[in-house]
Amino acid sequence: MISATCHCGAIQIDIPSAPESVTACNCSICRRLGALWAFYPIEAVGIAIRPGAADEYSWGKATRRFVRCRICGCTTHVSPVNPKPESKVEVNIRLFAPPELGHFRLRFFDGADTWKYLDESHSASQGGNA
C-alpha cells in the first residue's frame, strides 16, 4: 500500500501499488488543475477525509465528482457519481512522493476534442476516463 495526503493532511489516499501509467488530460478542468491521473478500481483505493474537509465539483452531465480539500485546495481524486462494476477512481498521482512511485509511463489524453489517447489509437473506453 502506498499512501499520500493533500498538503495539509486532511485527505489521505491509499493505493495498492505504483501505477504502470498515468494520464495527462487536456480537457477544460484537468489542464487547469495540472493533475496527473492514475486509474484504480474503486474497491482498491482507500480514501479517508477529515469531517468537513472535502468539496466536490461536478458539471455538465455530472457523471464524475472532482474532490478537493477545502483547507489546502489540493485536488485529490475523481470518483464516479453512479459507480458501475467497471468504474475507476482517478487518483491525482502528484500527491505521492516520486520515490514511492518509481518510473511510470506518461500518457497524453485528448479530453478537449477527440477523447483518444494521443500516444496510441485507443479510445477512452479502453484505457479509462480522463
Protein backbone atom coordinates (compact mmCIF):
# COMPACT_ATOMS: atom_id res chain seq x y z
CA MET A 1 0.00 0.00 0.00
CA ILE A 2 1.26 3.47 -0.90
CA SER A 3 -0.18 6.46 0.96
CA ALA A 4 -0.31 10.19 0.31
CA THR A 5 -2.21 13.17 1.58
CA CYS A 6 -3.27 16.56 0.41
CA HIS A 7 -0.91 19.33 1.52
CA CYS A 8 -2.50 19.79 4.97
CA GLY A 9 -3.18 16.09 5.58
CA ALA A 10 -6.98 16.34 5.84
CA ILE A 11 -7.48 13.87 2.95
CA GLN A 12 -5.48 10.66 2.73
CA ILE A 13 -5.37 8.41 -0.33
CA ASP A 14 -4.08 4.82 -0.25
CA ILE A 15 -3.35 2.96 -3.48
CA PRO A 16 -2.42 -0.72 -3.73
CA SER A 17 0.67 -0.21 -5.90
CA ALA A 18 2.52 2.28 -8.04
CA PRO A 19 0.79 2.90 -11.38
CA GLU A 20 2.17 1.47 -14.59
CA SER A 21 0.98 4.57 -16.43
CA VAL A 22 -0.54 7.94 -15.61
CA THR A 23 -2.66 10.21 -17.77
CA ALA A 24 -2.23 13.89 -18.52
CA CYS A 25 -5.55 15.16 -19.89
CA ASN A 26 -6.08 18.44 -21.73
CA CYS A 27 -9.80 18.82 -21.01
CA SER A 28 -11.04 22.11 -19.63
CA ILE A 29 -10.65 21.13 -15.97
CA CYS A 30 -7.65 18.78 -15.99
CA ARG A 31 -5.41 21.25 -17.81
CA ARG A 32 -6.32 23.90 -15.23
CA LEU A 33 -5.71 21.54 -12.29
CA GLY A 34 -2.38 20.30 -13.59
CA ALA A 35 -3.18 16.85 -12.24
CA LEU A 36 -1.79 13.55 -13.45
CA TRP A 37 -4.32 10.75 -13.10
CA ALA A 38 -3.81 7.10 -12.21
CA PHE A 39 -6.84 4.82 -12.52
CA TYR A 40 -7.70 2.19 -9.92
CA PRO A 41 -10.75 0.00 -9.23
CA ILE A 42 -12.95 1.70 -6.64
CA GLU A 43 -12.50 -1.07 -4.07
CA ALA A 44 -8.69 -0.87 -4.36
CA VAL A 45 -8.42 2.76 -3.20
CA GLY A 46 -8.66 3.86 0.40
CA ILE A 47 -9.84 7.42 0.97
CA ALA A 48 -10.01 8.99 4.43
CA ILE A 49 -11.40 12.51 4.71
CA ARG A 50 -11.45 14.57 7.89
CA PRO A 51 -15.08 15.60 8.54
CA GLY A 52 -15.97 18.75 6.61
CA ALA A 53 -12.63 18.86 4.78
CA ALA A 54 -13.77 17.97 1.24
CA ASP A 55 -15.53 19.89 -1.52
CA GLU A 56 -16.89 18.17 -4.62
CA TYR A 57 -17.35 19.62 -8.07
CA SER A 58 -19.34 18.20 -10.99
CA TRP A 59 -20.54 19.84 -14.17
CA GLY A 60 -22.17 19.02 -17.49
CA LYS A 61 -23.70 15.56 -17.27
CA ALA A 62 -22.44 15.31 -13.67
CA THR A 63 -21.07 11.78 -14.07
CA ARG A 64 -17.87 12.42 -12.07
CA ARG A 65 -17.03 14.23 -8.83
CA PHE A 66 -13.76 16.11 -8.59
CA VAL A 67 -12.81 16.13 -4.91
CA ARG A 68 -10.53 18.70 -3.34
CA CYS A 69 -9.51 19.66 0.16
CA ARG A 70 -11.37 22.75 1.29
CA ILE A 71 -8.49 23.58 3.69
CA CYS A 72 -5.42 23.48 1.41
CA GLY A 73 -7.11 23.35 -2.00
CA CYS A 74 -5.41 20.22 -3.38
CA THR A 75 -7.48 18.17 -5.83
CA THR A 76 -7.09 14.61 -4.60
CA HIS A 77 -9.25 12.36 -6.74
CA VAL A 78 -12.22 11.95 -9.05
CA SER A 79 -14.95 9.46 -8.34
CA PRO A 80 -17.96 8.35 -10.38
CA VAL A 81 -21.34 9.72 -9.30
CA ASN A 82 -23.10 6.43 -10.13
CA PRO A 83 -20.44 3.71 -9.89
CA LYS A 84 -20.67 0.58 -12.02
CA PRO A 85 -18.64 -2.62 -11.52
CA GLU A 86 -16.07 -1.44 -14.07
CA SER A 87 -15.83 2.12 -12.70
CA LYS A 88 -12.48 3.53 -11.60
CA VAL A 89 -11.31 6.16 -9.18
CA GLU A 90 -8.93 8.68 -10.70
CA VAL A 91 -6.19 9.46 -8.20
CA ASN A 92 -4.08 12.60 -8.53
CA ILE A 93 -0.69 10.94 -8.54
CA ARG A 94 1.03 14.31 -7.97
CA LEU A 95 0.12 13.92 -4.27
CA PHE A 96 2.53 11.00 -3.91
CA ALA A 97 6.26 11.25 -3.24
CA PRO A 98 8.11 10.45 -6.50
CA PRO A 99 10.48 7.90 -4.92
CA GLU A 100 7.49 5.82 -3.79
CA LEU A 101 6.11 5.64 -7.33
CA GLY A 102 9.25 4.83 -9.28
CA HIS A 103 9.02 5.11 -13.05
CA PHE A 104 5.76 5.04 -14.97
CA ARG A 105 4.58 5.67 -18.48
CA LEU A 106 3.12 9.14 -19.06
CA ARG A 107 0.17 9.06 -21.46
CA PHE A 108 -1.47 12.09 -23.06
CA PHE A 109 -5.25 12.08 -23.40
CA ASP A 110 -7.14 14.49 -25.67
CA GLY A 111 -10.13 15.15 -23.43
CA ALA A 112 -10.67 18.51 -25.12
CA ASP A 113 -11.51 17.15 -28.56
CA THR A 114 -11.15 13.54 -29.71
CA TRP A 115 -11.42 11.58 -26.42
CA LYS A 116 -8.48 9.46 -27.51
CA TYR A 117 -5.02 8.85 -26.19
CA LEU A 118 -2.57 10.78 -28.36
CA ASP A 119 0.21 8.21 -27.98
CA GLU A 120 -1.93 5.37 -29.37
CA SER A 121 -5.20 4.97 -31.17
CA HIS A 122 -7.05 3.67 -28.09
CA SER A 123 -10.31 5.28 -27.10
CA ALA A 124 -11.21 6.38 -23.58
CA SER A 125 -13.31 3.28 -23.03
CA GLN A 126 -10.25 1.09 -23.48
CA GLY A 127 -7.94 2.97 -21.14
CA GLY A 128 -10.03 4.76 -18.55
CA ASN A 129 -11.93 8.00 -18.46
CA ALA A 130 -9.77 11.05 -18.24
